[in-house]
Amino acid sequence: MEAVSGRGWRFSREHPQRNPDDPKEELMSLLYKDFRDRLFAQVLRLTNNDRQWTEDVVQETFIRAWQHSDDLNREPGMLRGWLLTVARRIVIDGWRNRSARPREVELESPDTAETSDETDRTLAAMVVADALRHLDHKHQSVVFETYFAGRTVREAAIILGLPEGTVKSRLYNAMRTLRRALGELGSR
């Protein structure tokens, strides 16, 4: 059997042999064999059927039993009571910790992560409305029909009773005036 040492510890490459004469190992083997299933069932009820949390609590309970094995009364009724009391206290501490900080919840979809804020949209509409005031009525009507009503140049020309070329030139001039007006509003 080859041993490897590191930081003052000696590790065997083979699995360590159990020492049947060690009272701690004997106690832990007895506790696990006799009480694990009952302890698990009891803790599962205390954790509202959270299996992962239950496994953690049972493991922590057995670790504490191993740490206090020299002080434990070896009578089965006393051992069972001690294990259940320790497990119950661990669960109570867990409930306290969970209630002390906000509960984490998963978002159902990324859409719910952000709420839409209409402030920017409203502000932009106000700025555009102010810029539209710089246009005369004939240019305003072309912009309204094409951008706000969503019509094509041909449809706007029919509705306004103008040739398509006139609608295009008015639209071009209106957009140039709006860009200039928005630039001035932005620099204020």
C-alpha atoms as a PDB file:
ATOM      1  CA  MET A   1       0.000   0.000   0.000  1.00  0.00           C
ATOM      2  CA  GLU A   2       1.551   3.276  -1.173  1.00  0.00           C
ATOM      3  CA  ALA A   3       1.033   6.437   0.835  1.00  0.00           C
ATOM      4  CA  VAL A   4       1.144   9.991  -0.467  1.00  0.00           C
ATOM      5  CA  SER A   5       1.762  12.819   1.941  1.00  0.00           C
ATOM      6  CA  GLY A   6       0.837  16.444   1.644  1.00  0.00           C
ATOM      7  CA  ARG A   7       0.519  19.229   4.222  1.00  0.00           C
ATOM      8  CA  GLY A   8       1.097  16.821   7.056  1.00  0.00           C
ATOM      9  CA  TRP A   9      -1.621  14.377   5.957  1.00  0.00           C
ATOM     10  CA  ARG A  10      -1.089  10.867   4.764  1.00  0.00           C
ATOM     11  CA  PHE A  11      -3.405   9.520   2.114  1.00  0.00           C
ATOM     12  CA  SER A  12      -3.635   5.992   0.942  1.00  0.00           C
ATOM     13  CA  ARG A  13      -4.250   5.176  -2.702  1.00  0.00           C
ATOM     14  CA  GLU A  14      -6.522   2.358  -1.528  1.00  0.00           C
ATOM     15  CA  HIS A  15      -9.812   2.809   0.271  1.00  0.00           C
ATOM     16  CA  PRO A  16      -9.262   3.037   4.012  1.00  0.00           C
ATOM     17  CA  GLN A  17     -10.210  -0.002   6.004  1.00  0.00           C
ATOM     18  CA  ARG A  18     -12.974   0.460   8.551  1.00  0.00           C
ATOM     19  CA  ASN A  19     -11.959  -0.020  12.124  1.00  0.00           C
ATOM     20  CA  PRO A  20     -14.736  -2.028  13.756  1.00  0.00           C
ATOM     21  CA  ASP A  21     -13.302  -1.234  17.196  1.00  0.00           C
ATOM     22  CA  ASP A  22     -13.686   2.554  16.768  1.00  0.00           C
ATOM     23  CA  PRO A  23     -16.703   3.627  18.895  1.00  0.00           C
ATOM     24  CA  LYS A  24     -17.431   6.637  16.653  1.00  0.00           C
ATOM     25  CA  GLU A  25     -17.669   4.471  13.540  1.00  0.00           C
ATOM     26  CA  GLU A  26     -19.798   1.931  15.369  1.00  0.00           C
ATOM     27  CA  LEU A  27     -22.179   4.643  16.599  1.00  0.00           C
ATOM     28  CA  MET A  28     -22.448   6.300  13.189  1.00  0.00           C
ATOM     29  CA  SER A  29     -23.120   2.994  11.502  1.00  0.00           C
ATOM     30  CA  LEU A  30     -25.844   2.234  14.059  1.00  0.00           C
ATOM     31  CA  LEU A  31     -27.394   5.712  13.749  1.00  0.00           C
ATOM     32  CA  TYR A  32     -27.459   5.611   9.975  1.00  0.00           C
ATOM     33  CA  LYS A  33     -28.853   2.081   9.805  1.00  0.00           C
ATOM     34  CA  ASP A  34     -31.502   2.510  12.496  1.00  0.00           C
ATOM     35  CA  PHE A  35     -32.586   6.140  12.225  1.00  0.00           C
ATOM     36  CA  ARG A  36     -31.880   7.463   8.733  1.00  0.00           C
ATOM     37  CA  ASP A  37     -35.264   6.587   7.166  1.00  0.00           C
ATOM     38  CA  ARG A  38     -37.355   7.840  10.116  1.00  0.00           C
ATOM     39  CA  LEU A  39     -35.273  11.003  10.380  1.00  0.00           C
ATOM     40  CA  PHE A  40     -35.592  11.625   6.646  1.00  0.00           C
ATOM     41  CA  ALA A  41     -39.384  11.211   6.750  1.00  0.00           C
ATOM     42  CA  GLN A  42     -39.730  13.553   9.730  1.00  0.00           C
ATOM     43  CA  VAL A  43     -37.488  16.236   8.223  1.00  0.00           C
ATOM     44  CA  LEU A  44     -39.238  15.938   4.852  1.00  0.00           C
ATOM     45  CA  ARG A  45     -42.490  17.010   6.541  1.00  0.00           C
ATOM     46  CA  LEU A  46     -40.726  19.896   8.311  1.00  0.00           C
ATOM     47  CA  THR A  47     -39.255  21.193   5.022  1.00  0.00           C
ATOM     48  CA  ASN A  48     -42.573  21.038   3.134  1.00  0.00           C
ATOM     49  CA  ASN A  49     -41.387  18.106   1.008  1.00  0.00           C
ATOM     50  CA  ASP A  50     -38.217  19.818  -0.215  1.00  0.00           C
ATOM     51  CA  ARG A  51     -36.076  16.714  -0.813  1.00  0.00           C
ATOM     52  CA  GLN A  52     -32.811  18.565  -1.421  1.00  0.00           C
ATOM     53  CA  TRP A  53     -33.143  20.614   1.755  1.00  0.00           C
ATOM     54  CA  THR A  54     -34.157  17.453   3.648  1.00  0.00           C
ATOM     55  CA  GLU A  55     -31.030  15.626   2.477  1.00  0.00           C
ATOM     56  CA  ASP A  56     -28.897  18.571   3.575  1.00  0.00           C
ATOM     57  CA  VAL A  57     -30.543  18.642   7.014  1.00  0.00           C
ATOM     58  CA  VAL A  58     -30.170  14.881   7.535  1.00  0.00           C
ATOM     59  CA  GLN A  59     -26.523  15.041   6.506  1.00  0.00           C
ATOM     60  CA  GLU A  60     -25.862  17.986   8.827  1.00  0.00           C
ATOM     61  CA  THR A  61     -27.632  16.121  11.658  1.00  0.00           C
ATOM     62  CA  PHE A  62     -25.384  13.071  11.230  1.00  0.00           C
ATOM     63  CA  ILE A  63     -22.297  15.290  11.076  1.00  0.00           C
ATOM     64  CA  ARG A  64     -23.281  16.866  14.386  1.00  0.00           C
ATOM     65  CA  ALA A  65     -23.926  13.410  15.843  1.00  0.00           C
ATOM     66  CA  TRP A  66     -20.425  12.357  14.797  1.00  0.00           C
ATOM     67  CA  GLN A  67     -18.958  15.554  16.294  1.00  0.00           C
ATOM     68  CA  HIS A  68     -20.769  14.936  19.613  1.00  0.00           C
ATOM     69  CA  SER A  69     -20.500  11.133  19.621  1.00  0.00           C
ATOM     70  CA  ASP A  70     -18.498  11.102  22.839  1.00  0.00           C
ATOM     71  CA  ASP A  71     -21.297  12.930  24.690  1.00  0.00           C
ATOM     72  CA  LEU A  72     -24.321  11.035  23.315  1.00  0.00           C
ATOM     73  CA  ASN A  73     -26.378   8.662  25.421  1.00  0.00           C
ATOM     74  CA  ARG A  74     -26.309   5.325  23.538  1.00  0.00           C
ATOM     75  CA  GLU A  75     -29.875   4.341  24.453  1.00  0.00           C
ATOM     76  CA  PRO A  76     -31.924   4.108  21.194  1.00  0.00           C
ATOM     77  CA  GLY A  77     -34.805   6.255  22.502  1.00  0.00           C
ATOM     78  CA  MET A  78     -32.411   8.970  23.582  1.00  0.00           C
ATOM     79  CA  LEU A  79     -30.495   8.838  20.290  1.00  0.00           C
ATOM     80  CA  ARG A  80     -33.703   9.157  18.268  1.00  0.00           C
ATOM     81  CA  GLY A  81     -34.858  12.111  20.358  1.00  0.00           C
ATOM     82  CA  TRP A  82     -31.478  13.798  20.093  1.00  0.00           C
ATOM     83  CA  LEU A  83     -31.376  13.367  16.292  1.00  0.00           C
ATOM     84  CA  LEU A  84     -34.926  14.680  15.826  1.00  0.00           C
ATOM     85  CA  THR A  85     -34.269  17.672  18.070  1.00  0.00           C
ATOM     86  CA  VAL A  86     -31.074  18.595  16.236  1.00  0.00           C
ATOM     87  CA  ALA A  87     -32.757  18.163  12.849  1.00  0.00           C
ATOM     88  CA  ARG A  88     -35.753  20.269  13.924  1.00  0.00           C
ATOM     89  CA  ARG A  89     -33.431  23.056  15.104  1.00  0.00           C
ATOM     90  CA  ILE A  90     -31.518  22.980  11.817  1.00  0.00           C
ATOM     91  CA  VAL A  91     -34.810  23.296   9.899  1.00  0.00           C
ATOM     92  CA  ILE A  92     -35.961  26.161  12.149  1.00  0.00           C
ATOM     93  CA  ASP A  93     -32.660  27.952  11.504  1.00  0.00           C
ATOM     94  CA  GLY A  94     -33.191  27.376   7.783  1.00  0.00           C
ATOM     95  CA  TRP A  95     -36.701  28.869   7.907  1.00  0.00           C
ATOM     96  CA  ARG A  96     -35.372  31.870   9.815  1.00  0.00           C
ATOM     97  CA  ASN A  97     -32.613  32.404   7.278  1.00  0.00           C
ATOM     98  CA  ARG A  98     -35.066  32.183   4.404  1.00  0.00           C
ATOM     99  CA  SER A  99     -37.441  34.692   5.968  1.00  0.00           C
ATOM    100  CA  ALA A 100     -34.647  37.103   6.883  1.00  0.00           C
ATOM    101  CA  ARG A 101     -33.783  37.810   3.246  1.00  0.00           C
ATOM    102  CA  PRO A 102     -36.064  38.370   0.284  1.00  0.00           C
ATOM    103  CA  ARG A 103     -37.228  35.290  -1.511  1.00  0.00           C
ATOM    104  CA  GLU A 104     -35.622  34.662  -4.874  1.00  0.00           C
ATOM    105  CA  VAL A 105     -38.023  34.080  -7.718  1.00  0.00           C
ATOM    106  CA  GLU A 106     -37.366  33.086 -11.277  1.00  0.00           C
ATOM    107  CA  LEU A 107     -38.824  35.210 -13.992  1.00  0.00           C
ATOM    108  CA  GLU A 108     -41.126  33.311 -16.295  1.00  0.00           C
ATOM    109  CA  SER A 109     -39.969  35.109 -19.418  1.00  0.00           C
ATOM    110  CA  PRO A 110     -37.511  37.851 -20.252  1.00  0.00           C
ATOM    111  CA  ASP A 111     -40.439  40.089 -21.252  1.00  0.00           C
ATOM    112  CA  THR A 112     -41.484  40.448 -17.624  1.00  0.00           C
ATOM    113  CA  ALA A 113     -38.004  41.565 -16.584  1.00  0.00           C
ATOM    114  CA  GLU A 114     -38.506  45.052 -17.905  1.00  0.00           C
ATOM    115  CA  THR A 115     -41.572  47.158 -17.611  1.00  0.00           C
ATOM    116  CA  SER A 116     -42.190  49.549 -20.422  1.00  0.00           C
ATOM    117  CA  ASP A 117     -41.737  53.160 -19.506  1.00  0.00           C
ATOM    118  CA  GLU A 118     -43.833  55.440 -21.643  1.00  0.00           C
ATOM    119  CA  THR A 119     -41.962  58.543 -20.483  1.00  0.00           C
ATOM    120  CA  ASP A 120     -39.435  58.478 -23.332  1.00  0.00           C
ATOM    121  CA  ARG A 121     -42.119  57.831 -25.896  1.00  0.00           C
ATOM    122  CA  THR A 122     -44.307  60.636 -24.549  1.00  0.00           C
ATOM    123  CA  LEU A 123     -41.380  63.045 -24.436  1.00  0.00           C
ATOM    124  CA  ALA A 124     -40.401  62.175 -28.016  1.00  0.00           C
ATOM    125  CA  ALA A 125     -44.002  62.733 -29.166  1.00  0.00           C
ATOM    126  CA  MET A 126     -44.024  66.142 -27.481  1.00  0.00           C
ATOM    127  CA  VAL A 127     -40.747  67.133 -29.144  1.00  0.00           C
ATOM    128  CA  VAL A 128     -41.970  66.006 -32.588  1.00  0.00           C
ATOM    129  CA  ALA A 129     -45.300  67.820 -32.104  1.00  0.00           C
ATOM    130  CA  ASP A 130     -43.400  70.976 -31.257  1.00  0.00           C
ATOM    131  CA  ALA A 131     -41.208  70.567 -34.349  1.00  0.00           C
ATOM    132  CA  LEU A 132     -44.280  69.986 -36.550  1.00  0.00           C
ATOM    133  CA  ARG A 133     -45.507  73.439 -35.568  1.00  0.00           C
ATOM    134  CA  HIS A 134     -42.608  74.859 -37.612  1.00  0.00           C
ATOM    135  CA  LEU A 135     -44.181  73.414 -40.783  1.00  0.00           C
ATOM    136  CA  ASP A 136     -46.898  75.096 -42.802  1.00  0.00           C
ATOM    137  CA  HIS A 137     -50.226  73.321 -43.320  1.00  0.00           C
ATOM    138  CA  LYS A 138     -49.412  71.830 -46.766  1.00  0.00           C
ATOM    139  CA  HIS A 139     -46.249  70.176 -45.414  1.00  0.00           C
ATOM    140  CA  GLN A 140     -47.967  69.019 -42.228  1.00  0.00           C
ATOM    141  CA  SER A 141     -50.675  67.223 -44.230  1.00  0.00           C
ATOM    142  CA  VAL A 142     -48.084  65.325 -46.309  1.00  0.00           C
ATOM    143  CA  VAL A 143     -46.177  64.240 -43.182  1.00  0.00           C
ATOM    144  CA  PHE A 144     -49.409  63.187 -41.478  1.00  0.00           C
ATOM    145  CA  GLU A 145     -50.607  61.078 -44.420  1.00  0.00           C
ATOM    146  CA  THR A 146     -47.285  59.316 -44.995  1.00  0.00           C
ATOM    147  CA  TYR A 147     -45.844  58.879 -41.495  1.00  0.00           C
ATOM    148  CA  PHE A 148     -48.746  58.989 -39.080  1.00  0.00           C
ATOM    149  CA  ALA A 149     -51.414  57.368 -41.269  1.00  0.00           C
ATOM    150  CA  GLY A 150     -48.871  54.965 -42.789  1.00  0.00           C
ATOM    151  CA  ARG A 151     -49.868  55.591 -46.400  1.00  0.00           C
ATOM    152  CA  THR A 152     -47.639  55.342 -49.444  1.00  0.00           C
ATOM    153  CA  VAL A 153     -46.779  58.429 -51.514  1.00  0.00           C
ATOM    154  CA  ARG A 154     -49.289  57.291 -54.149  1.00  0.00           C
ATOM    155  CA  GLU A 155     -52.101  56.883 -51.563  1.00  0.00           C
ATOM    156  CA  ALA A 156     -51.276  60.256 -49.955  1.00  0.00           C
ATOM    157  CA  ALA A 157     -51.338  61.919 -53.388  1.00  0.00           C
ATOM    158  CA  ILE A 158     -54.804  60.520 -54.121  1.00  0.00           C
ATOM    159  CA  ILE A 159     -56.189  61.575 -50.709  1.00  0.00           C
ATOM    160  CA  LEU A 160     -54.657  65.071 -50.896  1.00  0.00           C
ATOM    161  CA  GLY A 161     -55.514  65.474 -54.591  1.00  0.00           C
ATOM    162  CA  LEU A 162     -51.920  66.269 -55.536  1.00  0.00           C
ATOM    163  CA  PRO A 163     -49.504  64.796 -58.063  1.00  0.00           C
ATOM    164  CA  GLU A 164     -47.083  62.192 -56.638  1.00  0.00           C
ATOM    165  CA  GLY A 165     -44.070  64.379 -57.444  1.00  0.00           C
ATOM    166  CA  THR A 166     -45.526  67.249 -55.412  1.00  0.00           C
ATOM    167  CA  VAL A 167     -46.121  64.936 -52.435  1.00  0.00           C
ATOM    168  CA  LYS A 168     -42.518  63.668 -52.692  1.00  0.00           C
ATOM    169  CA  SER A 169     -41.019  67.166 -52.847  1.00  0.00           C
ATOM    170  CA  ARG A 170     -43.177  68.452 -49.980  1.00  0.00           C
ATOM    171  CA  LEU A 171     -42.245  65.407 -47.933  1.00  0.00           C
ATOM    172  CA  TYR A 172     -38.546  65.971 -48.631  1.00  0.00           C
ATOM    173  CA  ASN A 173     -38.761  69.666 -47.704  1.00  0.00           C
ATOM    174  CA  ALA A 174     -40.841  68.879 -44.588  1.00  0.00           C
ATOM    175  CA  MET A 175     -38.327  66.308 -43.364  1.00  0.00           C
ATOM    176  CA  ARG A 176     -35.446  68.719 -43.930  1.00  0.00           C
ATOM    177  CA  THR A 177     -37.272  71.413 -41.940  1.00  0.00           C
ATOM    178  CA  LEU A 178     -38.121  68.924 -39.165  1.00  0.00           C
ATOM    179  CA  ARG A 179     -34.503  67.767 -38.861  1.00  0.00           C
ATOM    180  CA  ARG A 180     -33.393  71.364 -38.546  1.00  0.00           C
ATOM    181  CA  ALA A 181     -36.106  72.143 -35.974  1.00  0.00           C
ATOM    182  CA  LEU A 182     -35.344  69.002 -33.952  1.00  0.00           C
ATOM    183  CA  GLY A 183     -31.661  69.884 -34.005  1.00  0.00           C
ATOM    184  CA  GLU A 184     -32.450  73.302 -32.615  1.00  0.00           C
ATOM    185  CA  LEU A 185     -34.751  71.824 -29.954  1.00  0.00           C
ATOM    186  CA  GLY A 186     -32.068  69.329 -28.976  1.00  0.00           C
ATOM    187  CA  SER A 187     -29.451  72.016 -28.511  1.00  0.00           C
ATOM    188  CA  ARG A 188     -31.624  74.015 -26.098  1.00  0.00           C
END
